[in-house]
């Protein structure tokens, strides 16, 4: 985590962003990083350039059928979920919901669990199967 914090400071050009444990990253101690993109007063401290990661999904069994994926699902969620839940916990909760046939594939369960754990940040989740 120290390396990640140093990289954030380097990317921003100066040590202007930071957070306390279980808090939200803030620019100049004022505005949450996710909300500061495009803010005129903080523009020189925050880049709108996205971090893009790409994965290739593999059909189960190595076949060509694209309806049965080996990885099962993808979770996209806001900080409010990740502030109180690690990726493994989220995956286990969603997997249980998907297997039970939940119509929302566990997205609602993620938000409700984050709320129950006391998340204070925005909470939204999308699960794609």
Protein backbone atom coordinates (compact mmCIF):
# COMPACT_ATOMS: atom_id res chain seq x y z
CA UNK A 1 0.00 0.00 0.00
CA UNK A 2 2.91 2.38 0.62
CA UNK A 3 3.99 1.87 -3.00
CA UNK A 4 0.47 2.62 -4.24
CA UNK A 5 0.32 5.81 -2.16
CA UNK A 6 3.71 6.94 -3.47
CA UNK A 7 2.57 6.24 -7.04
CA UNK A 8 -0.58 8.30 -6.52
CA UNK A 9 1.51 11.21 -5.23
CA UNK A 10 3.92 10.87 -8.16
CA UNK A 11 1.07 10.76 -10.68
CA UNK A 12 -0.49 13.86 -9.19
CA UNK A 13 2.83 15.69 -9.24
CA UNK A 14 2.70 16.67 -5.58
CA UNK A 15 1.41 15.17 -2.32
CA UNK A 16 -2.06 16.72 -2.58
CA UNK A 17 -4.25 13.62 -2.29
CA UNK A 18 -4.60 11.39 0.72
CA UNK A 19 -6.94 9.46 2.92
CA UNK A 20 -7.23 8.12 6.42
CA UNK A 21 -7.97 4.39 6.88
CA UNK A 22 -11.53 3.56 5.74
CA UNK A 23 -11.90 7.08 4.32
CA UNK A 24 -12.24 8.32 0.76
CA UNK A 25 -9.28 9.65 -1.26
CA UNK A 26 -9.62 13.45 -1.35
CA UNK A 27 -7.89 16.10 -3.43
CA UNK A 28 -6.52 18.98 -1.36
CA UNK A 29 -8.46 17.42 1.55
CA UNK A 30 -11.72 18.73 0.08
CA UNK A 31 -13.25 16.82 -2.80
CA UNK A 32 -13.45 13.05 -3.29
CA UNK A 33 -11.15 12.03 -6.13
CA UNK A 34 -13.96 10.43 -8.14
CA UNK A 35 -15.90 13.70 -8.00
CA UNK A 36 -12.96 15.98 -8.65
CA UNK A 37 -12.48 14.99 -12.30
CA UNK A 38 -13.54 18.05 -14.24
CA UNK A 39 -13.66 20.36 -11.21
CA UNK A 40 -12.23 23.66 -12.49
CA UNK A 41 -10.46 24.61 -9.25
CA UNK A 42 -8.74 21.23 -8.87
CA UNK A 43 -8.06 20.53 -12.56
CA UNK A 44 -4.28 20.92 -12.21
CA UNK A 45 -4.20 18.17 -9.54
CA UNK A 46 -6.48 15.55 -11.09
CA UNK A 47 -6.27 13.82 -14.45
CA UNK A 48 -9.32 12.54 -16.27
CA UNK A 49 -7.21 9.90 -18.00
CA UNK A 50 -8.73 6.52 -17.09
CA UNK A 51 -6.81 3.47 -15.96
CA UNK A 52 -7.83 0.77 -18.40
CA UNK A 53 -7.44 -2.93 -17.68
CA UNK A 54 -8.42 -5.61 -20.19
CA UNK A 55 -9.11 -9.31 -19.69
CA UNK A 56 -10.05 -11.99 -22.17
CA UNK A 57 -12.88 -14.18 -20.96
CA UNK A 58 -12.49 -17.90 -21.55
CA UNK A 59 -15.48 -20.13 -22.30
CA UNK A 60 -15.77 -23.00 -19.80
CA UNK A 61 -14.03 -26.13 -21.00
CA UNK A 62 -12.06 -24.15 -23.57
CA UNK A 63 -14.91 -24.46 -26.10
CA UNK A 64 -16.27 -21.76 -28.36
CA UNK A 65 -19.70 -21.41 -26.72
CA UNK A 66 -19.97 -17.87 -25.31
CA UNK A 67 -22.92 -18.57 -23.03
CA UNK A 68 -21.01 -20.53 -20.40
CA UNK A 69 -18.05 -18.52 -19.14
CA UNK A 70 -15.34 -20.00 -16.94
CA UNK A 71 -15.16 -16.85 -14.81
CA UNK A 72 -18.92 -16.73 -14.18
CA UNK A 73 -19.51 -13.00 -13.67
CA UNK A 74 -17.98 -9.54 -13.57
CA UNK A 75 -18.70 -7.06 -10.77
CA UNK A 76 -18.54 -3.30 -11.34
CA UNK A 77 -19.08 -1.35 -8.14
CA UNK A 78 -18.45 2.08 -6.66
CA UNK A 79 -16.20 2.97 -3.74
CA UNK A 80 -19.00 2.51 -1.22
CA UNK A 81 -18.87 -1.24 -1.84
CA UNK A 82 -15.07 -1.58 -1.87
CA UNK A 83 -14.62 0.60 1.24
CA UNK A 84 -16.20 -2.14 3.39
CA UNK A 85 -15.78 -5.33 1.37
CA UNK A 86 -12.77 -6.95 -0.26
CA UNK A 87 -13.02 -8.50 -3.75
CA UNK A 88 -13.14 -12.07 -2.42
CA UNK A 89 -16.05 -11.28 -0.10
CA UNK A 90 -17.92 -9.59 -2.94
CA UNK A 91 -17.26 -12.54 -5.28
CA UNK A 92 -18.51 -15.05 -2.71
CA UNK A 93 -21.65 -13.03 -2.03
CA UNK A 94 -22.39 -12.59 -5.76
CA UNK A 95 -21.63 -16.25 -6.53
CA UNK A 96 -24.16 -17.32 -3.89
CA UNK A 97 -26.77 -14.97 -5.37
CA UNK A 98 -26.13 -16.08 -8.96
CA UNK A 99 -26.42 -19.75 -7.97
CA UNK A 100 -29.70 -19.05 -6.16
CA UNK A 101 -31.11 -17.47 -9.32
CA UNK A 102 -31.36 -13.89 -8.02
CA UNK A 103 -32.82 -11.77 -10.83
CA UNK A 104 -30.27 -8.99 -10.25
CA UNK A 105 -27.36 -11.51 -10.00
CA UNK A 106 -26.45 -10.19 -6.55
CA UNK A 107 -26.07 -6.47 -7.30
CA UNK A 108 -28.74 -5.56 -4.74
CA UNK A 109 -27.16 -7.90 -2.18
CA UNK A 110 -23.79 -6.15 -2.60
CA UNK A 111 -25.34 -2.74 -1.95
CA UNK A 112 -27.39 -3.99 1.00
CA UNK A 113 -24.33 -5.68 2.55
CA UNK A 114 -22.23 -2.53 2.16
CA UNK A 115 -25.03 -0.51 3.78
CA UNK A 116 -25.26 -3.02 6.64
CA UNK A 117 -21.49 -2.73 7.18
CA UNK A 118 -21.82 1.03 7.54
CA UNK A 119 -20.48 2.30 4.21
CA UNK A 120 -20.70 6.09 4.04
CA UNK A 121 -19.81 6.46 0.34
CA UNK A 122 -21.85 6.11 -2.85
CA UNK A 123 -23.04 2.55 -3.32
CA UNK A 124 -23.87 1.17 -6.75
CA UNK A 125 -23.20 -2.23 -8.25
CA UNK A 126 -23.65 -3.96 -11.60
CA UNK A 127 -23.11 -7.68 -12.06
CA UNK A 128 -22.72 -9.09 -15.57
CA UNK A 129 -23.02 -12.82 -16.15
